PDB file of N, CA and C in Angstrom:
ATOM      1  N   MET A   1     -41.980   9.293 -88.205  1.00  0.00           N
ATOM      2  CA  MET A   1     -41.307  10.114 -89.226  1.00  0.00           C
ATOM      3  C   MET A   1     -41.746  11.545 -89.026  1.00  0.00           C
ATOM      4  N   ALA A   2     -40.749  12.425 -89.010  1.00  0.00           N
ATOM      5  CA  ALA A   2     -41.050  13.834 -88.830  1.00  0.00           C
ATOM      6  C   ALA A   2     -41.286  14.542 -90.138  1.00  0.00           C
ATOM      7  N   THR A   3     -42.057  15.612 -90.085  1.00  0.00           N
ATOM      8  CA  THR A   3     -42.350  16.459 -91.264  1.00  0.00           C
ATOM      9  C   THR A   3     -41.328  17.610 -91.251  1.00  0.00           C
ATOM     10  N   TYR A   4     -40.520  17.734 -92.276  1.00  0.00           N
ATOM     11  CA  TYR A   4     -39.538  18.846 -92.403  1.00  0.00           C
ATOM     12  C   TYR A   4     -40.182  20.032 -92.971  1.00  0.00           C
ATOM     13  N   SER A   5     -39.763  21.196 -92.517  1.00  0.00           N
ATOM     14  CA  SER A   5     -40.257  22.479 -93.108  1.00  0.00           C
ATOM     15  C   SER A   5     -39.147  23.076 -93.928  1.00  0.00           C
ATOM     16  N   SER A   6     -39.414  23.439 -95.189  1.00  0.00           N
ATOM     17  CA  SER A   6     -38.405  24.001 -96.005  1.00  0.00           C
ATOM     18  C   SER A   6     -39.067  24.932 -97.051  1.00  0.00           C
ATOM     19  N   ASN A   7     -38.723  26.189 -96.999  1.00  0.00           N
ATOM     20  CA  ASN A   7     -39.264  27.211 -97.959  1.00  0.00           C
ATOM     21  C   ASN A   7     -38.367  27.188 -99.173  1.00  0.00           C
ATOM     22  N   ILE A   8     -38.973  27.332-100.395  1.00  0.00           N
ATOM     23  CA  ILE A   8     -38.267  27.325-101.636  1.00  0.00           C
ATOM     24  C   ILE A   8     -38.628  28.579-102.498  1.00  0.00           C
ATOM     25  N   VAL A   9     -37.720  28.898-103.368  1.00  0.00           N
ATOM     26  CA  VAL A   9     -37.928  30.021-104.345  1.00  0.00           C
ATOM     27  C   VAL A   9     -37.826  29.401-105.752  1.00  0.00           C
ATOM     28  N   ILE A  10     -38.803  29.790-106.543  1.00  0.00           N
ATOM     29  CA  ILE A  10     -38.829  29.344-107.936  1.00  0.00           C
ATOM     30  C   ILE A  10     -38.884  30.552-108.854  1.00  0.00           C
ATOM     31  N   ASN A  11     -37.988  30.634-109.814  1.00  0.00           N
ATOM     32  CA  ASN A  11     -37.975  31.783-110.766  1.00  0.00           C
ATOM     33  C   ASN A  11     -38.727  31.274-111.999  1.00  0.00           C
ATOM     34  N   THR A  12     -39.614  32.140-112.524  1.00  0.00           N
ATOM     35  CA  THR A  12     -40.318  31.759-113.750  1.00  0.00           C
ATOM     36  C   THR A  12     -39.320  31.648-114.924  1.00  0.00           C
ATOM     37  N   ASN A  13     -39.727  30.808-115.877  1.00  0.00           N
ATOM     38  CA  ASN A  13     -38.911  30.528-117.046  1.00  0.00           C
ATOM     39  C   ASN A  13     -37.558  29.956-116.780  1.00  0.00           C
ATOM     40  N   GLU A  14     -37.402  29.320-115.674  1.00  0.00           N
ATOM     41  CA  GLU A  14     -36.156  28.604-115.331  1.00  0.00           C
ATOM     42  C   GLU A  14     -36.474  27.213-114.867  1.00  0.00           C
ATOM     43  N   ASP A  15     -35.636  26.231-115.191  1.00  0.00           N
ATOM     44  CA  ASP A  15     -35.790  24.919-114.653  1.00  0.00           C
ATOM     45  C   ASP A  15     -35.577  24.966-113.113  1.00  0.00           C
ATOM     46  N   PHE A  16     -36.350  24.153-112.424  1.00  0.00           N
ATOM     47  CA  PHE A  16     -36.251  24.129-110.938  1.00  0.00           C
ATOM     48  C   PHE A  16     -36.107  22.708-110.493  1.00  0.00           C
ATOM     49  N   ARG A  17     -35.188  22.480-109.519  1.00  0.00           N
ATOM     50  CA  ARG A  17     -35.051  21.193-108.863  1.00  0.00           C
ATOM     51  C   ARG A  17     -34.578  21.375-107.454  1.00  0.00           C
ATOM     52  N   GLN A  18     -35.180  20.595-106.594  1.00  0.00           N
ATOM     53  CA  GLN A  18     -34.773  20.627-105.132  1.00  0.00           C
ATOM     54  C   GLN A  18     -34.748  19.202-104.628  1.00  0.00           C
ATOM     55  N   THR A  19     -33.684  18.852-103.962  1.00  0.00           N
ATOM     56  CA  THR A  19     -33.530  17.522-103.402  1.00  0.00           C
ATOM     57  C   THR A  19     -33.565  17.563-101.867  1.00  0.00           C
ATOM     58  N   PHE A  20     -34.266  16.688-101.232  1.00  0.00           N
ATOM     59  CA  PHE A  20     -34.379  16.668 -99.788  1.00  0.00           C
ATOM     60  C   PHE A  20     -33.817  15.336 -99.240  1.00  0.00           C
ATOM     61  N   ASP A  21     -33.073  15.447 -98.193  1.00  0.00           N
ATOM     62  CA  ASP A  21     -32.450  14.252 -97.510  1.00  0.00           C
ATOM     63  C   ASP A  21     -33.409  13.921 -96.380  1.00  0.00           C
ATOM     64  N   LEU A  22     -34.002  12.704 -96.419  1.00  0.00           N
ATOM     65  CA  LEU A  22     -34.943  12.305 -95.387  1.00  0.00           C
ATOM     66  C   LEU A  22     -34.231  11.311 -94.408  1.00  0.00           C
ATOM     67  N   ALA A  23     -34.450  11.526 -93.125  1.00  0.00           N
ATOM     68  CA  ALA A  23     -33.799  10.742 -92.095  1.00  0.00           C
ATOM     69  C   ALA A  23     -34.843   9.984 -91.299  1.00  0.00           C
ATOM     70  N   SER A  24     -34.471   8.827 -90.758  1.00  0.00           N
ATOM     71  CA  SER A  24     -35.340   8.075 -89.885  1.00  0.00           C
ATOM     72  C   SER A  24     -35.400   8.771 -88.567  1.00  0.00           C
ATOM     73  N   ALA A  25     -36.595   8.817 -88.007  1.00  0.00           N
ATOM     74  CA  ALA A  25     -36.812   9.486 -86.710  1.00  0.00           C
ATOM     75  C   ALA A  25     -36.165   8.718 -85.587  1.00  0.00           C
ATOM     76  N   SER A  26     -36.041   7.401 -85.739  1.00  0.00           N
ATOM     77  CA  SER A  26     -35.523   6.531 -84.617  1.00  0.00           C
ATOM     78  C   SER A  26     -34.036   6.675 -84.418  1.00  0.00           C
ATOM     79  N   ASP A  27     -33.236   6.761 -85.558  1.00  0.00           N
ATOM     80  CA  ASP A  27     -31.784   6.815 -85.337  1.00  0.00           C
ATOM     81  C   ASP A  27     -31.115   7.824 -86.220  1.00  0.00           C
ATOM     82  N   ASN A  28     -31.858   8.683 -86.903  1.00  0.00           N
ATOM     83  CA  ASN A  28     -31.308   9.732 -87.732  1.00  0.00           C
ATOM     84  C   ASN A  28     -30.515   9.295 -88.932  1.00  0.00           C
ATOM     85  N   SER A  29     -30.647   7.982 -89.254  1.00  0.00           N
ATOM     86  CA  SER A  29     -29.952   7.454 -90.480  1.00  0.00           C
ATOM     87  C   SER A  29     -30.811   7.765 -91.695  1.00  0.00           C
ATOM     88  N   SER A  30     -30.275   7.661 -92.879  1.00  0.00           N
ATOM     89  CA  SER A  30     -31.018   7.904 -94.135  1.00  0.00           C
ATOM     90  C   SER A  30     -32.270   6.978 -94.161  1.00  0.00           C
ATOM     91  N   LEU A  31     -33.365   7.527 -94.515  1.00  0.00           N
ATOM     92  CA  LEU A  31     -34.628   6.819 -94.534  1.00  0.00           C
ATOM     93  C   LEU A  31     -34.611   5.867 -95.790  1.00  0.00           C
ATOM     94  N   ASN A  32     -34.865   4.593 -95.580  1.00  0.00           N
ATOM     95  CA  ASN A  32     -34.918   3.621 -96.639  1.00  0.00           C
ATOM     96  C   ASN A  32     -36.256   3.755 -97.385  1.00  0.00           C
ATOM     97  N   LEU A  33     -36.198   4.208 -98.632  1.00  0.00           N
ATOM     98  CA  LEU A  33     -37.426   4.459 -99.403  1.00  0.00           C
ATOM     99  C   LEU A  33     -37.795   3.351-100.361  1.00  0.00           C
ATOM    100  N   THR A  34     -37.176   2.178-100.192  1.00  0.00           N
ATOM    101  CA  THR A  34     -37.466   1.047-101.050  1.00  0.00           C
ATOM    102  C   THR A  34     -38.929   0.705-100.961  1.00  0.00           C
ATOM    103  N   GLY A  35     -39.639   0.590-102.076  1.00  0.00           N
ATOM    104  CA  GLY A  35     -41.060   0.297-102.096  1.00  0.00           C
ATOM    105  C   GLY A  35     -41.988   1.497-101.972  1.00  0.00           C
ATOM    106  N   TYR A  36     -41.430   2.687-101.817  1.00  0.00           N
ATOM    107  CA  TYR A  36     -42.233   3.883-101.669  1.00  0.00           C
ATOM    108  C   TYR A  36     -42.467   4.565-103.042  1.00  0.00           C
ATOM    109  N   THR A  37     -43.513   5.315-103.161  1.00  0.00           N
ATOM    110  CA  THR A  37     -43.679   6.272-104.240  1.00  0.00           C
ATOM    111  C   THR A  37     -43.698   7.692-103.604  1.00  0.00           C
ATOM    112  N   VAL A  38     -43.498   8.703-104.444  1.00  0.00           N
ATOM    113  CA  VAL A  38     -43.448  10.069-103.951  1.00  0.00           C
ATOM    114  C   VAL A  38     -44.257  10.927-104.810  1.00  0.00           C
ATOM    115  N   SER A  39     -45.003  11.953-104.217  1.00  0.00           N
ATOM    116  CA  SER A  39     -45.748  12.945-105.009  1.00  0.00           C
ATOM    117  C   SER A  39     -45.611  14.284-104.298  1.00  0.00           C
ATOM    118  N   SER A  40     -45.806  15.306-105.083  1.00  0.00           N
ATOM    119  CA  SER A  40     -45.697  16.684-104.573  1.00  0.00           C
ATOM    120  C   SER A  40     -46.496  17.656-105.381  1.00  0.00           C
ATOM    121  N   GLN A  41     -47.143  18.576-104.707  1.00  0.00           N
ATOM    122  CA  GLN A  41     -47.954  19.615-105.321  1.00  0.00           C
ATOM    123  C   GLN A  41     -47.716  20.933-104.638  1.00  0.00           C
ATOM    124  N   MET A  42     -48.042  22.008-105.431  1.00  0.00           N
ATOM    125  CA  MET A  42     -48.062  23.350-104.845  1.00  0.00           C
ATOM    126  C   MET A  42     -49.395  23.967-105.197  1.00  0.00           C
ATOM    127  N   ARG A  43     -49.940  24.778-104.269  1.00  0.00           N
ATOM    128  CA  ARG A  43     -51.224  25.406-104.439  1.00  0.00           C
ATOM    129  C   ARG A  43     -51.124  26.844-103.858  1.00  0.00           C
ATOM    130  N   LYS A  44     -51.989  27.722-104.286  1.00  0.00           N
ATOM    131  CA  LYS A  44     -52.027  29.097-103.759  1.00  0.00           C
ATOM    132  C   LYS A  44     -52.286  29.063-102.256  1.00  0.00           C
ATOM    133  N   TYR A  45     -53.196  28.181-101.826  1.00  0.00           N
ATOM    134  CA  TYR A  45     -53.446  27.992-100.418  1.00  0.00           C
ATOM    135  C   TYR A  45     -53.897  26.502-100.256  1.00  0.00           C
ATOM    136  N   ALA A  46     -53.821  25.972 -99.117  1.00  0.00           N
ATOM    137  CA  ALA A  46     -54.031  24.523 -98.930  1.00  0.00           C
ATOM    138  C   ALA A  46     -55.343  24.017 -99.487  1.00  0.00           C
ATOM    139  N   GLY A  47     -56.393  24.728 -99.400  1.00  0.00           N
ATOM    140  CA  GLY A  47     -57.697  24.302 -99.859  1.00  0.00           C
ATOM    141  C   GLY A  47     -58.031  24.624-101.303  1.00  0.00           C
ATOM    142  N   SER A  48     -57.101  25.203-102.025  1.00  0.00           N
ATOM    143  CA  SER A  48     -57.359  25.570-103.440  1.00  0.00           C
ATOM    144  C   SER A  48     -57.584  24.347-104.311  1.00  0.00           C
ATOM    145  N   ALA A  49     -58.541  24.451-105.202  1.00  0.00           N
ATOM    146  CA  ALA A  49     -58.883  23.370-106.133  1.00  0.00           C
ATOM    147  C   ALA A  49     -57.811  23.256-107.229  1.00  0.00           C
ATOM    148  N   THR A  50     -57.022  24.329-107.481  1.00  0.00           N
ATOM    149  CA  THR A  50     -56.078  24.344-108.516  1.00  0.00           C
ATOM    150  C   THR A  50     -54.665  24.049-107.981  1.00  0.00           C
ATOM    151  N   ALA A  51     -53.974  23.038-108.571  1.00  0.00           N
ATOM    152  CA  ALA A  51     -52.681  22.645-108.110  1.00  0.00           C
ATOM    153  C   ALA A  51     -51.728  22.547-109.261  1.00  0.00           C
ATOM    154  N   THR A  52     -50.470  22.763-108.965  1.00  0.00           N
ATOM    155  CA  THR A  52     -49.335  22.472-109.882  1.00  0.00           C
ATOM    156  C   THR A  52     -48.622  21.237-109.347  1.00  0.00           C
ATOM    157  N   ASP A  53     -48.537  20.187-110.179  1.00  0.00           N
ATOM    158  CA  ASP A  53     -47.779  18.983-109.818  1.00  0.00           C
ATOM    159  C   ASP A  53     -46.349  19.133-110.080  1.00  0.00           C
ATOM    160  N   PHE A  54     -45.502  18.841-109.113  1.00  0.00           N
ATOM    161  CA  PHE A  54     -44.040  18.729-109.318  1.00  0.00           C
ATOM    162  C   PHE A  54     -43.781  17.363-109.900  1.00  0.00           C
ATOM    163  N   THR A  55     -42.712  17.214-110.647  1.00  0.00           N
ATOM    164  CA  THR A  55     -42.219  15.906-111.000  1.00  0.00           C
ATOM    165  C   THR A  55     -41.404  15.420-109.780  1.00  0.00           C
ATOM    166  N   ALA A  56     -41.966  14.422-109.088  1.00  0.00           N
ATOM    167  CA  ALA A  56     -41.328  13.950-107.848  1.00  0.00           C
ATOM    168  C   ALA A  56     -40.734  12.591-108.032  1.00  0.00           C
ATOM    169  N   THR A  57     -39.492  12.438-107.580  1.00  0.00           N
ATOM    170  CA  THR A  57     -38.789  11.181-107.780  1.00  0.00           C
ATOM    171  C   THR A  57     -38.035  10.781-106.501  1.00  0.00           C
ATOM    172  N   ILE A  58     -37.813   9.532-106.353  1.00  0.00           N
ATOM    173  CA  ILE A  58     -36.941   9.017-105.317  1.00  0.00           C
ATOM    174  C   ILE A  58     -35.596   8.784-106.013  1.00  0.00           C
ATOM    175  N   VAL A  59     -34.584   9.444-105.431  1.00  0.00           N
ATOM    176  CA  VAL A  59     -33.206   9.379-106.016  1.00  0.00           C
ATOM    177  C   VAL A  59     -32.596   8.020-105.700  1.00  0.00           C
ATOM    178  N   SER A  60     -32.007   7.445-106.739  1.00  0.00           N
ATOM    179  CA  SER A  60     -31.441   6.147-106.560  1.00  0.00           C
ATOM    180  C   SER A  60     -30.023   6.265-105.945  1.00  0.00           C
ATOM    181  N   PRO A  61     -29.594   5.393-104.986  1.00  0.00           N
ATOM    182  CA  PRO A  61     -30.361   4.231-104.509  1.00  0.00           C
ATOM    183  C   PRO A  61     -31.407   4.679-103.489  1.00  0.00           C
ATOM    184  N   GLU A  62     -32.477   3.887-103.396  1.00  0.00           N
ATOM    185  CA  GLU A  62     -33.557   4.183-102.520  1.00  0.00           C
ATOM    186  C   GLU A  62     -33.195   4.208-101.029  1.00  0.00           C
ATOM    187  N   THR A  63     -32.071   3.580-100.730  1.00  0.00           N
ATOM    188  CA  THR A  63     -31.609   3.513 -99.325  1.00  0.00           C
ATOM    189  C   THR A  63     -30.923   4.814 -98.903  1.00  0.00           C
ATOM    190  N   ALA A  64     -30.707   5.753 -99.871  1.00  0.00           N
ATOM    191  CA  ALA A  64     -30.029   7.027 -99.529  1.00  0.00           C
ATOM    192  C   ALA A  64     -30.952   8.028 -98.871  1.00  0.00           C
ATOM    193  N   GLY A  65     -32.295   7.796 -98.956  1.00  0.00           N
ATOM    194  CA  GLY A  65     -33.220   8.687 -98.287  1.00  0.00           C
ATOM    195  C   GLY A  65     -33.437  10.008 -98.984  1.00  0.00           C
ATOM    196  N   LYS A  66     -33.210  10.072-100.331  1.00  0.00           N
ATOM    197  CA  LYS A  66     -33.318  11.291-101.013  1.00  0.00           C
ATOM    198  C   LYS A  66     -34.524  11.348-101.910  1.00  0.00           C
ATOM    199  N   VAL A  67     -35.276  12.437-101.901  1.00  0.00           N
ATOM    200  CA  VAL A  67     -36.381  12.697-102.809  1.00  0.00           C
ATOM    201  C   VAL A  67     -36.104  14.013-103.517  1.00  0.00           C
ATOM    202  N   SER A  68     -36.596  14.105-104.780  1.00  0.00           N
ATOM    203  CA  SER A  68     -36.349  15.297-105.571  1.00  0.00           C
ATOM    204  C   SER A  68     -37.687  15.750-106.162  1.00  0.00           C
ATOM    205  N   ILE A  69     -37.864  17.118-106.206  1.00  0.00           N
ATOM    206  CA  ILE A  69     -39.003  17.637-106.914  1.00  0.00           C
ATOM    207  C   ILE A  69     -38.495  18.603-107.971  1.00  0.00           C
ATOM    208  N   ALA A  70     -39.172  18.642-109.116  1.00  0.00           N
ATOM    209  CA  ALA A  70     -38.726  19.434-110.234  1.00  0.00           C
ATOM    210  C   ALA A  70     -39.850  20.014-111.050  1.00  0.00           C
ATOM    211  N   LEU A  71     -39.549  21.122-111.745  1.00  0.00           N
ATOM    212  CA  LEU A  71     -40.431  21.721-112.766  1.00  0.00           C
ATOM    213  C   LEU A  71     -39.479  22.185-113.904  1.00  0.00           C
ATOM    214  N   THR A  72     -40.032  22.045-115.126  1.00  0.00           N
ATOM    215  CA  THR A  72     -39.233  22.489-116.248  1.00  0.00           C
ATOM    216  C   THR A  72     -39.438  23.977-116.463  1.00  0.00           C
ATOM    217  N   SER A  73     -38.640  24.562-117.298  1.00  0.00           N
ATOM    218  CA  SER A  73     -38.771  26.048-117.574  1.00  0.00           C
ATOM    219  C   SER A  73     -40.194  26.294-118.189  1.00  0.00           C
ATOM    220  N   GLY A  74     -40.641  25.364-118.987  1.00  0.00           N
ATOM    221  CA  GLY A  74     -42.013  25.521-119.539  1.00  0.00           C
ATOM    222  C   GLY A  74     -43.085  25.501-118.492  1.00  0.00           C
ATOM    223  N   ASP A  75     -42.903  24.654-117.456  1.00  0.00           N
ATOM    224  CA  ASP A  75     -43.823  24.578-116.311  1.00  0.00           C
ATOM    225  C   ASP A  75     -43.828  25.940-115.544  1.00  0.00           C
ATOM    226  N   THR A  76     -42.602  26.429-115.300  1.00  0.00           N
ATOM    227  CA  THR A  76     -42.525  27.640-114.431  1.00  0.00           C
ATOM    228  C   THR A  76     -42.921  28.863-115.183  1.00  0.00           C
ATOM    229  N   LEU A  77     -42.900  28.866-116.517  1.00  0.00           N
ATOM    230  CA  LEU A  77     -43.287  30.019-117.284  1.00  0.00           C
ATOM    231  C   LEU A  77     -44.749  30.459-117.051  1.00  0.00           C
ATOM    232  N   SER A  78     -45.568  29.476-116.823  1.00  0.00           N
ATOM    233  CA  SER A  78     -47.038  29.772-116.602  1.00  0.00           C
ATOM    234  C   SER A  78     -47.406  30.104-115.170  1.00  0.00           C
ATOM    235  N   LEU A  79     -46.421  30.023-114.246  1.00  0.00           N
ATOM    236  CA  LEU A  79     -46.754  30.339-112.852  1.00  0.00           C
ATOM    237  C   LEU A  79     -46.871  31.850-112.624  1.00  0.00           C
ATOM    238  N   LYS A  80     -47.800  32.260-111.815  1.00  0.00           N
ATOM    239  CA  LYS A  80     -47.985  33.650-111.454  1.00  0.00           C
ATOM    240  C   LYS A  80     -47.177  33.983-110.236  1.00  0.00           C
ATOM    241  N   GLU A  81     -46.607  35.143-110.255  1.00  0.00           N
ATOM    242  CA  GLU A  81     -45.777  35.649-109.149  1.00  0.00           C
ATOM    243  C   GLU A  81     -46.592  35.618-107.845  1.00  0.00           C
ATOM    244  N   GLY A  82     -45.955  35.259-106.693  1.00  0.00           N
ATOM    245  CA  GLY A  82     -46.607  35.300-105.417  1.00  0.00           C
ATOM    246  C   GLY A  82     -46.157  34.169-104.574  1.00  0.00           C
ATOM    247  N   ARG A  83     -46.911  34.064-103.424  1.00  0.00           N
ATOM    248  CA  ARG A  83     -46.605  33.034-102.432  1.00  0.00           C
ATOM    249  C   ARG A  83     -47.603  31.827-102.591  1.00  0.00           C
ATOM    250  N   TYR A  84     -47.081  30.651-102.364  1.00  0.00           N
ATOM    251  CA  TYR A  84     -47.841  29.402-102.476  1.00  0.00           C
ATOM    252  C   TYR A  84     -47.447  28.508-101.310  1.00  0.00           C
ATOM    253  N   VAL A  85     -48.153  27.383-101.221  1.00  0.00           N
ATOM    254  CA  VAL A  85     -47.737  26.352-100.239  1.00  0.00           C
ATOM    255  C   VAL A  85     -47.481  25.033-101.000  1.00  0.00           C
ATOM    256  N   TYR A  86     -46.658  24.153-100.496  1.00  0.00           N
ATOM    257  CA  TYR A  86     -46.375  22.881-101.098  1.00  0.00           C
ATOM    258  C   TYR A  86     -46.126  21.849-100.033  1.00  0.00           C
ATOM    259  N   ASP A  87     -46.188  20.585-100.482  1.00  0.00           N
ATOM    260  CA  ASP A  87     -45.753  19.522 -99.636  1.00  0.00           C
ATOM    261  C   ASP A  87     -45.280  18.332-100.481  1.00  0.00           C
ATOM    262  N   VAL A  88     -44.561  17.460 -99.838  1.00  0.00           N
ATOM    263  CA  VAL A  88     -44.002  16.229-100.422  1.00  0.00           C
ATOM    264  C   VAL A  88     -44.557  15.065 -99.644  1.00  0.00           C
ATOM    265  N   VAL A  89     -45.141  14.123-100.311  1.00  0.00           N
ATOM    266  CA  VAL A  89     -45.806  12.971 -99.638  1.00  0.00           C
ATOM    267  C   VAL A  89     -45.210  11.704-100.130  1.00  0.00           C
ATOM    268  N   ILE A  90     -44.839  10.769 -99.271  1.00  0.00           N
ATOM    269  CA  ILE A  90     -44.402   9.434 -99.668  1.00  0.00           C
ATOM    270  C   ILE A  90     -45.480   8.465 -99.309  1.00  0.00           C
ATOM    271  N   GLU A  91     -45.571   7.342-100.105  1.00  0.00           N
ATOM    272  CA  GLU A  91     -46.631   6.386 -99.881  1.00  0.00           C
ATOM    273  C   GLU A  91     -46.107   4.976-100.061  1.00  0.00           C
ATOM    274  N   LYS A  92     -46.514   4.105 -99.154  1.00  0.00           N
ATOM    275  CA  LYS A  92     -46.182   2.664 -99.194  1.00  0.00           C
ATOM    276  C   LYS A  92     -47.303   1.891 -98.618  1.00  0.00           C
ATOM    277  N   ASN A  93     -47.752   0.905 -99.306  1.00  0.00           N
ATOM    278  CA  ASN A  93     -48.878   0.032 -98.893  1.00  0.00           C
ATOM    279  C   ASN A  93     -50.135   0.863 -98.542  1.00  0.00           C
ATOM    280  N   SER A  94     -50.387   1.826 -99.402  1.00  0.00           N
ATOM    281  CA  SER A  94     -51.567   2.738 -99.317  1.00  0.00           C
ATOM    282  C   SER A  94     -51.541   3.639 -98.044  1.00  0.00           C
ATOM    283  N   VAL A  95     -50.395   3.780 -97.403  1.00  0.00           N
ATOM    284  CA  VAL A  95     -50.240   4.689 -96.263  1.00  0.00           C
ATOM    285  C   VAL A  95     -49.421   5.868 -96.717  1.00  0.00           C
ATOM    286  N   LYS A  96     -50.023   7.055 -96.682  1.00  0.00           N
ATOM    287  CA  LYS A  96     -49.420   8.261 -97.060  1.00  0.00           C
ATOM    288  C   LYS A  96     -48.844   9.003 -95.903  1.00  0.00           C
ATOM    289  N   THR A  97     -47.615   9.572 -96.079  1.00  0.00           N
ATOM    290  CA  THR A  97     -46.937  10.323 -95.012  1.00  0.00           C
ATOM    291  C   THR A  97     -46.323  11.573 -95.558  1.00  0.00           C
ATOM    292  N   LYS A  98     -46.771  12.744 -95.047  1.00  0.00           N
ATOM    293  CA  LYS A  98     -46.190  14.044 -95.464  1.00  0.00           C
ATOM    294  C   LYS A  98     -44.816  14.137 -94.832  1.00  0.00           C
ATOM    295  N   VAL A  99     -43.769  14.293 -95.651  1.00  0.00           N
ATOM    296  CA  VAL A  99     -42.404  14.393 -95.140  1.00  0.00           C
ATOM    297  C   VAL A  99     -41.773  15.755 -95.247  1.00  0.00           C
ATOM    298  N   VAL A 100     -42.264  16.622 -96.124  1.00  0.00           N
ATOM    299  CA  VAL A 100     -41.756  18.001 -96.324  1.00  0.00           C
ATOM    300  C   VAL A 100     -42.937  18.886 -96.604  1.00  0.00           C
ATOM    301  N   GLU A 101     -42.933  20.094 -96.013  1.00  0.00           N
ATOM    302  CA  GLU A 101     -43.906  21.099 -96.314  1.00  0.00           C
ATOM    303  C   GLU A 101     -43.276  22.445 -96.207  1.00  0.00           C
ATOM    304  N   GLY A 102     -43.873  23.433 -96.834  1.00  0.00           N
ATOM    305  CA  GLY A 102     -43.344  24.810 -96.705  1.00  0.00           C
ATOM    306  C   GLY A 102     -44.033  25.779 -97.698  1.00  0.00           C
ATOM    307  N   MET A 103     -43.430  26.948 -97.740  1.00  0.00           N
ATOM    308  CA  MET A 103     -43.913  28.015 -98.614  1.00  0.00           C
ATOM    309  C   MET A 103     -43.065  27.992 -99.887  1.00  0.00           C
ATOM    310  N   VAL A 104     -43.683  28.485-100.988  1.00  0.00           N
ATOM    311  CA  VAL A 104     -43.012  28.657-102.240  1.00  0.00           C
ATOM    312  C   VAL A 104     -43.136  30.173-102.614  1.00  0.00           C
ATOM    313  N   LEU A 105     -42.059  30.780-102.988  1.00  0.00           N
ATOM    314  CA  LEU A 105     -42.098  32.174-103.469  1.00  0.00           C
ATOM    315  C   LEU A 105     -41.814  32.053-104.967  1.00  0.00           C
ATOM    316  N   ILE A 106     -42.765  32.476-105.788  1.00  0.00           N
ATOM    317  CA  ILE A 106     -42.592  32.492-107.266  1.00  0.00           C
ATOM    318  C   ILE A 106     -42.162  33.926-107.620  1.00  0.00           C
ATOM    319  N   ARG A 107     -40.951  34.053-108.226  1.00  0.00           N
ATOM    320  CA  ARG A 107     -40.443  35.300-108.668  1.00  0.00           C
ATOM    321  C   ARG A 107     -40.529  35.375-110.186  1.00  0.00           C
ATOM    322  N   GLN A 108     -41.110  36.475-110.668  1.00  0.00           N
ATOM    323  CA  GLN A 108     -41.219  36.665-112.139  1.00  0.00           C
ATOM    324  C   GLN A 108     -39.928  37.042-112.736  1.00  0.00           C
ATOM    325  N   GLY A 109     -39.563  36.306-113.765  1.00  0.00           N
ATOM    326  CA  GLY A 109     -38.363  36.594-114.523  1.00  0.00           C
ATOM    327  C   GLY A 109     -38.551  37.735-115.471  1.00  0.00           C
ATOM    328  N   VAL A 110     -37.528  38.286-115.993  1.00  0.00           N
ATOM    329  CA  VAL A 110     -37.609  39.381-116.989  1.00  0.00           C
ATOM    330  C   VAL A 110     -37.253  38.835-118.354  1.00  0.00           C
ATOM    331  N   THR A 111     -36.179  38.138-118.480  1.00  0.00           N
ATOM    332  CA  THR A 111     -35.722  37.624-119.738  1.00  0.00           C
ATOM    333  C   THR A 111     -36.460  36.332-120.110  1.00  0.00           C
ATOM    334  N   ARG A 112     -36.989  36.278-121.303  1.00  0.00           N
ATOM    335  CA  ARG A 112     -37.703  35.089-121.760  1.00  0.00           C
ATOM    336  C   ARG A 112     -36.863  34.469-122.898  1.00  0.00           C
TER     337      ARG A 112
END
């Protein structure tokens, strides 16, 4: 399974959602995510002790190969402007696989 690279932009005080289409490395078909769980975090840098957890879900049906990460406007309001890193990890039978990684740009909103 390949790790995809995707940079994202999050505006503070706005809801955020991003969906990723995962494909099988063997035949490029949608990855069957039946039986998997998904998690995702963002940090200022990879080794930072402080993390922001995304709400990470597998989009139904699981055979479509889609995962989604999200933050509410309340979650994004507390984020500080700047660059961060994030990844998305799937897990099955205690085996974790990073499937997406990239940079996050947090942009400070004006209107609250």
